[in-house]
Amino acid sequence: MTWQPYHEPLHVTLVRTGLVGLVLGLIVARLQSQRASWPQWTAFALWFSFGGHWVELFFLNWLRPRLASARWVQVTGRLFTWLVGGTLLMVGARITAASFSGQSLRLPAWWLGGPVFLCLELLVHALPQLRGQPNFYNGLR
């Protein structure tokens, strides 16, 4: 099977992931009753929204063409990419949020990044599945 590389204009990626990061940062800061911490939480969330986009592109454009085309191999490779990528994103997000200012945040443990990112990706891919578009579940993207 020949896989087509995935491309999206950078400005589209920046707007989508930036808005997701900003909204999540505002929500978490408000939920924790630390409204002044929204820049830290936004930076934290951007690791997963913007960084997660690049984890997905890594799989789609670099790893997927190098794996066997068998469905189970593709699914295993993608899930593994999400686990490892999510863990790395969590480490980076924790370092960024902690270095942003002296205010301490209640940050999740570093090892939660992989499982949480994997669950988020499964949820995000369920939306195009419901609309009949290419996604992880139908193997078309």
C-alpha atoms as a PDB file:
ATOM      1  CA  MET A   1       0.000   0.000   0.000  1.00  0.00           C
ATOM      2  CA  THR A   2       1.254   3.468  -0.883  1.00  0.00           C
ATOM      3  CA  TRP A   3       0.569   6.095   1.765  1.00  0.00           C
ATOM      4  CA  GLN A   4       0.090   9.699   0.767  1.00  0.00           C
ATOM      5  CA  PRO A   5       1.946  12.226   2.948  1.00  0.00           C
ATOM      6  CA  TYR A   6      -0.297  14.414   5.058  1.00  0.00           C
ATOM      7  CA  HIS A   7       0.063  18.171   4.558  1.00  0.00           C
ATOM      8  CA  GLU A   8      -1.735  21.092   6.147  1.00  0.00           C
ATOM      9  CA  PRO A   9      -0.866  24.788   5.801  1.00  0.00           C
ATOM     10  CA  LEU A  10       1.087  25.992   8.839  1.00  0.00           C
ATOM     11  CA  HIS A  11      -1.276  28.911   9.473  1.00  0.00           C
ATOM     12  CA  VAL A  12      -4.207  26.489   9.742  1.00  0.00           C
ATOM     13  CA  THR A  13      -2.273  24.348  12.213  1.00  0.00           C
ATOM     14  CA  LEU A  14      -1.225  27.381  14.269  1.00  0.00           C
ATOM     15  CA  VAL A  15      -4.749  28.790  14.504  1.00  0.00           C
ATOM     16  CA  ARG A  16      -6.368  25.452  15.425  1.00  0.00           C
ATOM     17  CA  THR A  17      -3.758  24.305  17.930  1.00  0.00           C
ATOM     18  CA  GLY A  18      -3.276  27.816  19.342  1.00  0.00           C
ATOM     19  CA  LEU A  19      -6.985  28.208  20.045  1.00  0.00           C
ATOM     20  CA  VAL A  20      -7.157  24.762  21.628  1.00  0.00           C
ATOM     21  CA  GLY A  21      -4.172  25.588  23.854  1.00  0.00           C
ATOM     22  CA  LEU A  22      -5.578  28.970  24.853  1.00  0.00           C
ATOM     23  CA  VAL A  23      -9.054  27.645  25.677  1.00  0.00           C
ATOM     24  CA  LEU A  24      -7.665  24.719  27.672  1.00  0.00           C
ATOM     25  CA  GLY A  25      -5.263  27.021  29.525  1.00  0.00           C
ATOM     26  CA  LEU A  26      -8.097  29.347  30.493  1.00  0.00           C
ATOM     27  CA  ILE A  27     -10.363  26.489  31.573  1.00  0.00           C
ATOM     28  CA  VAL A  28      -7.753  24.773  33.750  1.00  0.00           C
ATOM     29  CA  ALA A  29      -6.651  28.052  35.369  1.00  0.00           C
ATOM     30  CA  ARG A  30     -10.266  28.851  36.200  1.00  0.00           C
ATOM     31  CA  LEU A  31     -11.000  25.352  37.510  1.00  0.00           C
ATOM     32  CA  GLN A  32      -8.002  25.575  39.824  1.00  0.00           C
ATOM     33  CA  SER A  33      -9.029  29.071  40.964  1.00  0.00           C
ATOM     34  CA  GLN A  34      -5.678  30.425  39.778  1.00  0.00           C
ATOM     35  CA  ARG A  35      -6.771  32.758  37.002  1.00  0.00           C
ATOM     36  CA  ALA A  36      -3.336  34.398  36.783  1.00  0.00           C
ATOM     37  CA  SER A  37      -1.814  31.030  35.849  1.00  0.00           C
ATOM     38  CA  TRP A  38      -3.542  30.884  32.443  1.00  0.00           C
ATOM     39  CA  PRO A  39      -0.303  31.645  30.504  1.00  0.00           C
ATOM     40  CA  GLN A  40       1.419  28.690  32.175  1.00  0.00           C
ATOM     41  CA  TRP A  41      -1.517  26.395  31.525  1.00  0.00           C
ATOM     42  CA  THR A  42      -1.770  27.626  27.948  1.00  0.00           C
ATOM     43  CA  ALA A  43       1.927  26.843  27.392  1.00  0.00           C
ATOM     44  CA  PHE A  44       1.327  23.445  28.997  1.00  0.00           C
ATOM     45  CA  ALA A  45      -1.671  22.730  26.731  1.00  0.00           C
ATOM     46  CA  LEU A  46       0.196  23.891  23.616  1.00  0.00           C
ATOM     47  CA  TRP A  47       2.641  21.042  24.078  1.00  0.00           C
ATOM     48  CA  PHE A  48      -0.240  18.647  23.510  1.00  0.00           C
ATOM     49  CA  SER A  49      -2.188  20.569  20.875  1.00  0.00           C
ATOM     50  CA  PHE A  50       0.701  21.881  18.760  1.00  0.00           C
ATOM     51  CA  GLY A  51       3.240  19.240  19.766  1.00  0.00           C
ATOM     52  CA  GLY A  52       0.660  16.508  19.342  1.00  0.00           C
ATOM     53  CA  HIS A  53       0.122  17.634  15.763  1.00  0.00           C
ATOM     54  CA  TRP A  54       3.811  16.961  15.087  1.00  0.00           C
ATOM     55  CA  VAL A  55       3.670  13.566  16.812  1.00  0.00           C
ATOM     56  CA  GLU A  56       0.829  12.650  14.454  1.00  0.00           C
ATOM     57  CA  LEU A  57       2.746  13.978  11.433  1.00  0.00           C
ATOM     58  CA  PHE A  58       5.773  11.935  12.509  1.00  0.00           C
ATOM     59  CA  PHE A  59       3.657   8.813  12.350  1.00  0.00           C
ATOM     60  CA  LEU A  60       1.765   9.670   9.156  1.00  0.00           C
ATOM     61  CA  ASN A  61       4.677  10.935   7.083  1.00  0.00           C
ATOM     62  CA  TRP A  62       7.714   9.110   8.465  1.00  0.00           C
ATOM     63  CA  LEU A  63       6.880   5.958  10.431  1.00  0.00           C
ATOM     64  CA  ARG A  64       3.752   4.681   8.661  1.00  0.00           C
ATOM     65  CA  PRO A  65       5.386   4.304   5.221  1.00  0.00           C
ATOM     66  CA  ARG A  66       8.210   2.313   6.839  1.00  0.00           C
ATOM     67  CA  LEU A  67       5.919  -0.167   8.597  1.00  0.00           C
ATOM     68  CA  ALA A  68       4.306  -3.219   7.047  1.00  0.00           C
ATOM     69  CA  SER A  69       0.897  -2.409   5.598  1.00  0.00           C
ATOM     70  CA  ALA A  70      -0.883  -5.049   7.719  1.00  0.00           C
ATOM     71  CA  ARG A  71      -3.597  -3.320   9.750  1.00  0.00           C
ATOM     72  CA  TRP A  72      -2.419  -4.700  13.107  1.00  0.00           C
ATOM     73  CA  VAL A  73       1.123  -3.430  12.459  1.00  0.00           C
ATOM     74  CA  GLN A  74      -0.172   0.037  11.559  1.00  0.00           C
ATOM     75  CA  VAL A  75      -2.442   0.186  14.638  1.00  0.00           C
ATOM     76  CA  THR A  76       0.317  -1.024  16.969  1.00  0.00           C
ATOM     77  CA  GLY A  77       2.782   1.472  15.513  1.00  0.00           C
ATOM     78  CA  ARG A  78       0.361   4.338  15.893  1.00  0.00           C
ATOM     79  CA  LEU A  79      -0.619   3.468  19.460  1.00  0.00           C
ATOM     80  CA  PHE A  80       3.055   3.115  20.400  1.00  0.00           C
ATOM     81  CA  THR A  81       3.828   6.468  18.745  1.00  0.00           C
ATOM     82  CA  TRP A  82       1.027   8.117  20.752  1.00  0.00           C
ATOM     83  CA  LEU A  83       2.258   6.564  24.029  1.00  0.00           C
ATOM     84  CA  VAL A  84       5.897   7.549  23.547  1.00  0.00           C
ATOM     85  CA  GLY A  85       5.036  10.919  22.013  1.00  0.00           C
ATOM     86  CA  GLY A  86       2.595  11.752  24.809  1.00  0.00           C
ATOM     87  CA  THR A  87       5.172  10.904  27.458  1.00  0.00           C
ATOM     88  CA  LEU A  88       7.767  13.137  25.792  1.00  0.00           C
ATOM     89  CA  LEU A  89       5.215  15.926  25.415  1.00  0.00           C
ATOM     90  CA  MET A  90       4.333  15.665  29.116  1.00  0.00           C
ATOM     91  CA  VAL A  91       7.987  15.948  30.121  1.00  0.00           C
ATOM     92  CA  GLY A  92       8.391  19.038  27.940  1.00  0.00           C
ATOM     93  CA  ALA A  93       5.109  20.532  29.167  1.00  0.00           C
ATOM     94  CA  ARG A  94       6.080  20.043  32.811  1.00  0.00           C
ATOM     95  CA  ILE A  95       9.483  21.662  32.291  1.00  0.00           C
ATOM     96  CA  THR A  96       7.933  24.589  30.420  1.00  0.00           C
ATOM     97  CA  ALA A  97       5.154  25.200  32.959  1.00  0.00           C
ATOM     98  CA  ALA A  98       7.533  24.877  35.913  1.00  0.00           C
ATOM     99  CA  SER A  99      10.044  27.320  34.417  1.00  0.00           C
ATOM    100  CA  PHE A 100       7.423  29.890  33.415  1.00  0.00           C
ATOM    101  CA  SER A 101       7.339  31.554  36.832  1.00  0.00           C
ATOM    102  CA  GLY A 102       7.752  30.929  40.533  1.00  0.00           C
ATOM    103  CA  GLN A 103       4.099  30.008  40.976  1.00  0.00           C
ATOM    104  CA  SER A 104       3.760  26.278  41.476  1.00  0.00           C
ATOM    105  CA  LEU A 105       1.078  24.422  39.574  1.00  0.00           C
ATOM    106  CA  ARG A 106      -0.481  21.080  40.350  1.00  0.00           C
ATOM    107  CA  LEU A 107       0.972  19.277  37.345  1.00  0.00           C
ATOM    108  CA  PRO A 108       0.184  15.691  36.397  1.00  0.00           C
ATOM    109  CA  ALA A 109       2.933  13.077  36.724  1.00  0.00           C
ATOM    110  CA  TRP A 110       5.277  12.748  33.744  1.00  0.00           C
ATOM    111  CA  TRP A 111       4.271   9.140  33.064  1.00  0.00           C
ATOM    112  CA  LEU A 112       0.599  10.074  32.593  1.00  0.00           C
ATOM    113  CA  GLY A 113       1.422  11.868  29.344  1.00  0.00           C
ATOM    114  CA  GLY A 114       1.439   8.744  27.188  1.00  0.00           C
ATOM    115  CA  PRO A 115      -1.858   7.203  28.343  1.00  0.00           C
ATOM    116  CA  VAL A 116      -3.652  10.566  28.448  1.00  0.00           C
ATOM    117  CA  PHE A 117      -2.390  11.558  24.990  1.00  0.00           C
ATOM    118  CA  LEU A 118      -3.406   8.164  23.598  1.00  0.00           C
ATOM    119  CA  CYS A 119      -6.935   8.579  25.011  1.00  0.00           C
ATOM    120  CA  LEU A 120      -7.158  12.124  23.634  1.00  0.00           C
ATOM    121  CA  GLU A 121      -6.089  10.953  20.182  1.00  0.00           C
ATOM    122  CA  LEU A 122      -8.661   8.155  20.238  1.00  0.00           C
ATOM    123  CA  LEU A 123     -11.312  10.715  21.162  1.00  0.00           C
ATOM    124  CA  VAL A 124     -10.185  13.209  18.509  1.00  0.00           C
ATOM    125  CA  HIS A 125     -10.231  10.490  15.840  1.00  0.00           C
ATOM    126  CA  ALA A 126     -13.756   9.461  16.869  1.00  0.00           C
ATOM    127  CA  LEU A 127     -15.113  12.788  15.602  1.00  0.00           C
ATOM    128  CA  PRO A 128     -14.200  12.256  11.929  1.00  0.00           C
ATOM    129  CA  GLN A 129     -15.310   8.630  12.298  1.00  0.00           C
ATOM    130  CA  LEU A 130     -18.782   9.853  13.219  1.00  0.00           C
ATOM    131  CA  ARG A 131     -18.781  12.061  10.098  1.00  0.00           C
ATOM    132  CA  GLY A 132     -17.533   9.244   7.849  1.00  0.00           C
ATOM    133  CA  GLN A 133     -14.186  10.939   7.166  1.00  0.00           C
ATOM    134  CA  PRO A 134     -10.692   9.362   7.117  1.00  0.00           C
ATOM    135  CA  ASN A 135      -9.364   8.613  10.605  1.00  0.00           C
ATOM    136  CA  PHE A 136      -7.552   6.104  12.782  1.00  0.00           C
ATOM    137  CA  TYR A 137     -10.567   3.814  13.202  1.00  0.00           C
ATOM    138  CA  ASN A 138     -11.274   3.230   9.531  1.00  0.00           C
ATOM    139  CA  GLY A 139      -7.561   3.087   8.642  1.00  0.00           C
ATOM    140  CA  LEU A 140      -7.827   5.761   5.967  1.00  0.00           C
ATOM    141  CA  ARG A 141      -5.664   8.250   7.852  1.00  0.00           C
END
